[in-house]
Amino acid sequence: MLNALAVGSGGFIGAVLRYLMTILINRVNTGSFPVATLVINILGSFLIGLLTQVVPSLYPNNKKLLLFLTTGILGGFTTFSTFSLDTVNLYQNGNTAFAILNVVLSVVFCLTGVILGKILAKVIVNS
């Protein structure tokens, strides 16, 4: 139960941070490219790589702290960071084919999911 509380409270913080950072970036970026999302995803990917190496070495017995920071805050901030970590871990563990497959499947199916969701939404709204 404490693990779920750590993740949930971190998720709240991460989601709020994402919202505020998006507002700040979009004040500067007025173009159509999603700069805020890209910056947030890159930052989240960097931070999850950093934290999954630093936290266990500094606090080896504090799994809740790692859950709070990674699954919680960074999960709320962006799930792209977890995807990136999974892919890099696959590659570093010698599973290059699975790392490539993860990238291809994630991009193809997530984009397809968005498209299908938009199509379904149009059907629901127009019926």
C-alpha atoms as a PDB file:
ATOM      1  CA  MET A   1       0.000   0.000   0.000  1.00  0.00           C
ATOM      2  CA  LEU A   2       2.864   2.400   0.764  1.00  0.00           C
ATOM      3  CA  ASN A   3       4.321   1.698  -2.692  1.00  0.00           C
ATOM      4  CA  ALA A   4       1.029   2.738  -4.305  1.00  0.00           C
ATOM      5  CA  LEU A   5       0.997   5.913  -2.207  1.00  0.00           C
ATOM      6  CA  ALA A   6       4.571   6.721  -3.268  1.00  0.00           C
ATOM      7  CA  VAL A   7       3.700   6.234  -6.944  1.00  0.00           C
ATOM      8  CA  GLY A   8       0.413   8.148  -6.690  1.00  0.00           C
ATOM      9  CA  SER A   9       1.864  11.153  -4.909  1.00  0.00           C
ATOM     10  CA  GLY A  10       4.806  11.230  -7.309  1.00  0.00           C
ATOM     11  CA  GLY A  11       2.416  10.949 -10.245  1.00  0.00           C
ATOM     12  CA  PHE A  12       0.524  14.002  -9.036  1.00  0.00           C
ATOM     13  CA  ILE A  13       3.746  15.998  -8.819  1.00  0.00           C
ATOM     14  CA  GLY A  14       4.926  14.820 -12.245  1.00  0.00           C
ATOM     15  CA  ALA A  15       1.634  15.626 -13.936  1.00  0.00           C
ATOM     16  CA  VAL A  16       1.561  19.124 -12.464  1.00  0.00           C
ATOM     17  CA  LEU A  17       5.185  19.703 -13.477  1.00  0.00           C
ATOM     18  CA  ARG A  18       4.407  18.595 -17.018  1.00  0.00           C
ATOM     19  CA  TYR A  19       1.447  20.971 -17.199  1.00  0.00           C
ATOM     20  CA  LEU A  20       3.429  23.941 -15.903  1.00  0.00           C
ATOM     21  CA  MET A  21       6.437  23.214 -18.112  1.00  0.00           C
ATOM     22  CA  THR A  22       4.180  22.915 -21.150  1.00  0.00           C
ATOM     23  CA  ILE A  23       2.678  26.325 -20.424  1.00  0.00           C
ATOM     24  CA  LEU A  24       6.122  27.899 -20.065  1.00  0.00           C
ATOM     25  CA  ILE A  25       7.538  26.344 -23.238  1.00  0.00           C
ATOM     26  CA  ASN A  26       4.439  27.180 -25.284  1.00  0.00           C
ATOM     27  CA  ARG A  27       4.778  30.841 -24.337  1.00  0.00           C
ATOM     28  CA  VAL A  28       8.056  30.847 -26.282  1.00  0.00           C
ATOM     29  CA  ASN A  29       7.177  28.301 -28.961  1.00  0.00           C
ATOM     30  CA  THR A  30       4.321  29.478 -31.156  1.00  0.00           C
ATOM     31  CA  GLY A  31       4.942  27.014 -33.997  1.00  0.00           C
ATOM     32  CA  SER A  32       3.020  23.849 -34.736  1.00  0.00           C
ATOM     33  CA  PHE A  33       5.803  21.392 -33.796  1.00  0.00           C
ATOM     34  CA  PRO A  34       5.190  19.950 -30.311  1.00  0.00           C
ATOM     35  CA  VAL A  35       8.371  21.340 -28.766  1.00  0.00           C
ATOM     36  CA  ALA A  36       7.037  21.090 -25.208  1.00  0.00           C
ATOM     37  CA  THR A  37       6.287  17.384 -25.558  1.00  0.00           C
ATOM     38  CA  LEU A  38       9.650  16.709 -27.155  1.00  0.00           C
ATOM     39  CA  VAL A  39      11.550  18.642 -24.475  1.00  0.00           C
ATOM     40  CA  ILE A  40       9.600  16.981 -21.663  1.00  0.00           C
ATOM     41  CA  ASN A  41      10.126  13.508 -23.131  1.00  0.00           C
ATOM     42  CA  ILE A  42      13.850  14.087 -23.635  1.00  0.00           C
ATOM     43  CA  LEU A  43      14.214  15.515 -20.115  1.00  0.00           C
ATOM     44  CA  GLY A  44      12.215  12.641 -18.623  1.00  0.00           C
ATOM     45  CA  SER A  45      14.328  10.101 -20.505  1.00  0.00           C
ATOM     46  CA  PHE A  46      17.521  11.732 -19.269  1.00  0.00           C
ATOM     47  CA  LEU A  47      16.247  11.849 -15.683  1.00  0.00           C
ATOM     48  CA  ILE A  48      15.093   8.223 -15.588  1.00  0.00           C
ATOM     49  CA  GLY A  49      18.478   7.120 -16.883  1.00  0.00           C
ATOM     50  CA  LEU A  50      20.208   9.224 -14.248  1.00  0.00           C
ATOM     51  CA  LEU A  51      17.960   8.288 -11.338  1.00  0.00           C
ATOM     52  CA  THR A  52      17.940   4.539 -11.994  1.00  0.00           C
ATOM     53  CA  GLN A  53      21.714   4.586 -11.713  1.00  0.00           C
ATOM     54  CA  VAL A  54      22.207   7.101  -8.876  1.00  0.00           C
ATOM     55  CA  VAL A  55      19.386   6.313  -6.450  1.00  0.00           C
ATOM     56  CA  PRO A  56      20.117   2.573  -6.015  1.00  0.00           C
ATOM     57  CA  SER A  57      23.798   3.292  -5.384  1.00  0.00           C
ATOM     58  CA  LEU A  58      23.108   6.083  -2.856  1.00  0.00           C
ATOM     59  CA  TYR A  59      20.067   4.460  -1.231  1.00  0.00           C
ATOM     60  CA  PRO A  60      20.258   0.718  -1.986  1.00  0.00           C
ATOM     61  CA  ASN A  61      17.538  -0.210   0.516  1.00  0.00           C
ATOM     62  CA  ASN A  62      15.034   2.510  -0.413  1.00  0.00           C
ATOM     63  CA  LYS A  63      12.875   1.040  -3.180  1.00  0.00           C
ATOM     64  CA  LYS A  64      10.031   3.430  -2.349  1.00  0.00           C
ATOM     65  CA  LEU A  65      12.192   6.442  -3.189  1.00  0.00           C
ATOM     66  CA  LEU A  66      12.977   4.986  -6.609  1.00  0.00           C
ATOM     67  CA  LEU A  67       9.282   4.195  -7.181  1.00  0.00           C
ATOM     68  CA  PHE A  68       8.339   7.737  -6.114  1.00  0.00           C
ATOM     69  CA  LEU A  69      10.887   9.361  -8.434  1.00  0.00           C
ATOM     70  CA  THR A  70      10.653   7.106 -11.511  1.00  0.00           C
ATOM     71  CA  THR A  71       7.246   5.440 -11.690  1.00  0.00           C
ATOM     72  CA  GLY A  72       5.617   8.304  -9.810  1.00  0.00           C
ATOM     73  CA  ILE A  73       7.107  11.665 -10.785  1.00  0.00           C
ATOM     74  CA  LEU A  74       8.574  10.682 -14.137  1.00  0.00           C
ATOM     75  CA  GLY A  75       5.607   8.445 -14.920  1.00  0.00           C
ATOM     76  CA  GLY A  76       3.329  11.423 -14.397  1.00  0.00           C
ATOM     77  CA  PHE A  77       5.742  13.697 -16.205  1.00  0.00           C
ATOM     78  CA  THR A  78       6.130  11.325 -19.168  1.00  0.00           C
ATOM     79  CA  THR A  79       5.839   7.621 -19.833  1.00  0.00           C
ATOM     80  CA  PHE A  80       8.249   8.071 -22.703  1.00  0.00           C
ATOM     81  CA  SER A  81      11.067   7.970 -20.175  1.00  0.00           C
ATOM     82  CA  THR A  82      10.114   4.422 -19.172  1.00  0.00           C
ATOM     83  CA  PHE A  83       9.907   3.349 -22.814  1.00  0.00           C
ATOM     84  CA  SER A  84      13.361   4.808 -23.394  1.00  0.00           C
ATOM     85  CA  LEU A  85      14.833   3.069 -20.349  1.00  0.00           C
ATOM     86  CA  ASP A  86      13.314  -0.273 -21.341  1.00  0.00           C
ATOM     87  CA  THR A  87      14.742   0.057 -24.842  1.00  0.00           C
ATOM     88  CA  VAL A  88      18.234   1.017 -23.652  1.00  0.00           C
ATOM     89  CA  ASN A  89      18.221  -1.809 -21.086  1.00  0.00           C
ATOM     90  CA  LEU A  90      17.287  -4.303 -23.796  1.00  0.00           C
ATOM     91  CA  TYR A  91      20.141  -3.068 -25.968  1.00  0.00           C
ATOM     92  CA  GLN A  92      22.686  -3.010 -23.132  1.00  0.00           C
ATOM     93  CA  ASN A  93      21.717  -6.548 -22.160  1.00  0.00           C
ATOM     94  CA  GLY A  94      22.519  -7.749 -25.669  1.00  0.00           C
ATOM     95  CA  ASN A  95      18.917  -7.905 -26.881  1.00  0.00           C
ATOM     96  CA  THR A  96      19.426  -5.585 -29.845  1.00  0.00           C
ATOM     97  CA  ALA A  97      16.661  -7.195 -31.884  1.00  0.00           C
ATOM     98  CA  PHE A  98      14.174  -6.753 -29.036  1.00  0.00           C
ATOM     99  CA  ALA A  99      15.297  -3.148 -28.530  1.00  0.00           C
ATOM    100  CA  ILE A 100      14.634  -2.392 -32.202  1.00  0.00           C
ATOM    101  CA  LEU A 101      11.352  -4.294 -32.078  1.00  0.00           C
ATOM    102  CA  ASN A 102      10.308  -2.288 -29.012  1.00  0.00           C
ATOM    103  CA  VAL A 103      10.961   0.975 -30.849  1.00  0.00           C
ATOM    104  CA  VAL A 104       9.147  -0.087 -34.001  1.00  0.00           C
ATOM    105  CA  LEU A 105       6.155  -1.630 -32.235  1.00  0.00           C
ATOM    106  CA  SER A 106       5.811   1.263 -29.792  1.00  0.00           C
ATOM    107  CA  VAL A 107       5.886   3.920 -32.482  1.00  0.00           C
ATOM    108  CA  VAL A 108       3.639   2.057 -34.922  1.00  0.00           C
ATOM    109  CA  PHE A 109       1.068   0.854 -32.411  1.00  0.00           C
ATOM    110  CA  CYS A 110       0.957   4.028 -30.317  1.00  0.00           C
ATOM    111  CA  LEU A 111       0.446   6.182 -33.406  1.00  0.00           C
ATOM    112  CA  THR A 112      -2.140   3.694 -34.655  1.00  0.00           C
ATOM    113  CA  GLY A 113      -3.854   3.856 -31.257  1.00  0.00           C
ATOM    114  CA  VAL A 114      -4.093   7.636 -31.497  1.00  0.00           C
ATOM    115  CA  ILE A 115      -5.502   7.420 -35.024  1.00  0.00           C
ATOM    116  CA  LEU A 116      -8.047   4.762 -34.043  1.00  0.00           C
ATOM    117  CA  GLY A 117      -9.031   6.749 -30.942  1.00  0.00           C
ATOM    118  CA  LYS A 118      -9.605   9.843 -33.078  1.00  0.00           C
ATOM    119  CA  ILE A 119     -11.677   7.829 -35.576  1.00  0.00           C
ATOM    120  CA  LEU A 120     -13.780   6.343 -32.774  1.00  0.00           C
ATOM    121  CA  ALA A 121     -14.259   9.794 -31.234  1.00  0.00           C
ATOM    122  CA  LYS A 122     -15.535  11.143 -34.572  1.00  0.00           C
ATOM    123  CA  VAL A 123     -17.964   8.213 -34.855  1.00  0.00           C
ATOM    124  CA  ILE A 124     -19.249   8.808 -31.315  1.00  0.00           C
ATOM    125  CA  VAL A 125     -19.559  12.575 -31.744  1.00  0.00           C
ATOM    126  CA  ASN A 126     -21.236  12.341 -35.163  1.00  0.00           C
ATOM    127  CA  SER A 127     -23.761   9.637 -34.234  1.00  0.00           C
END
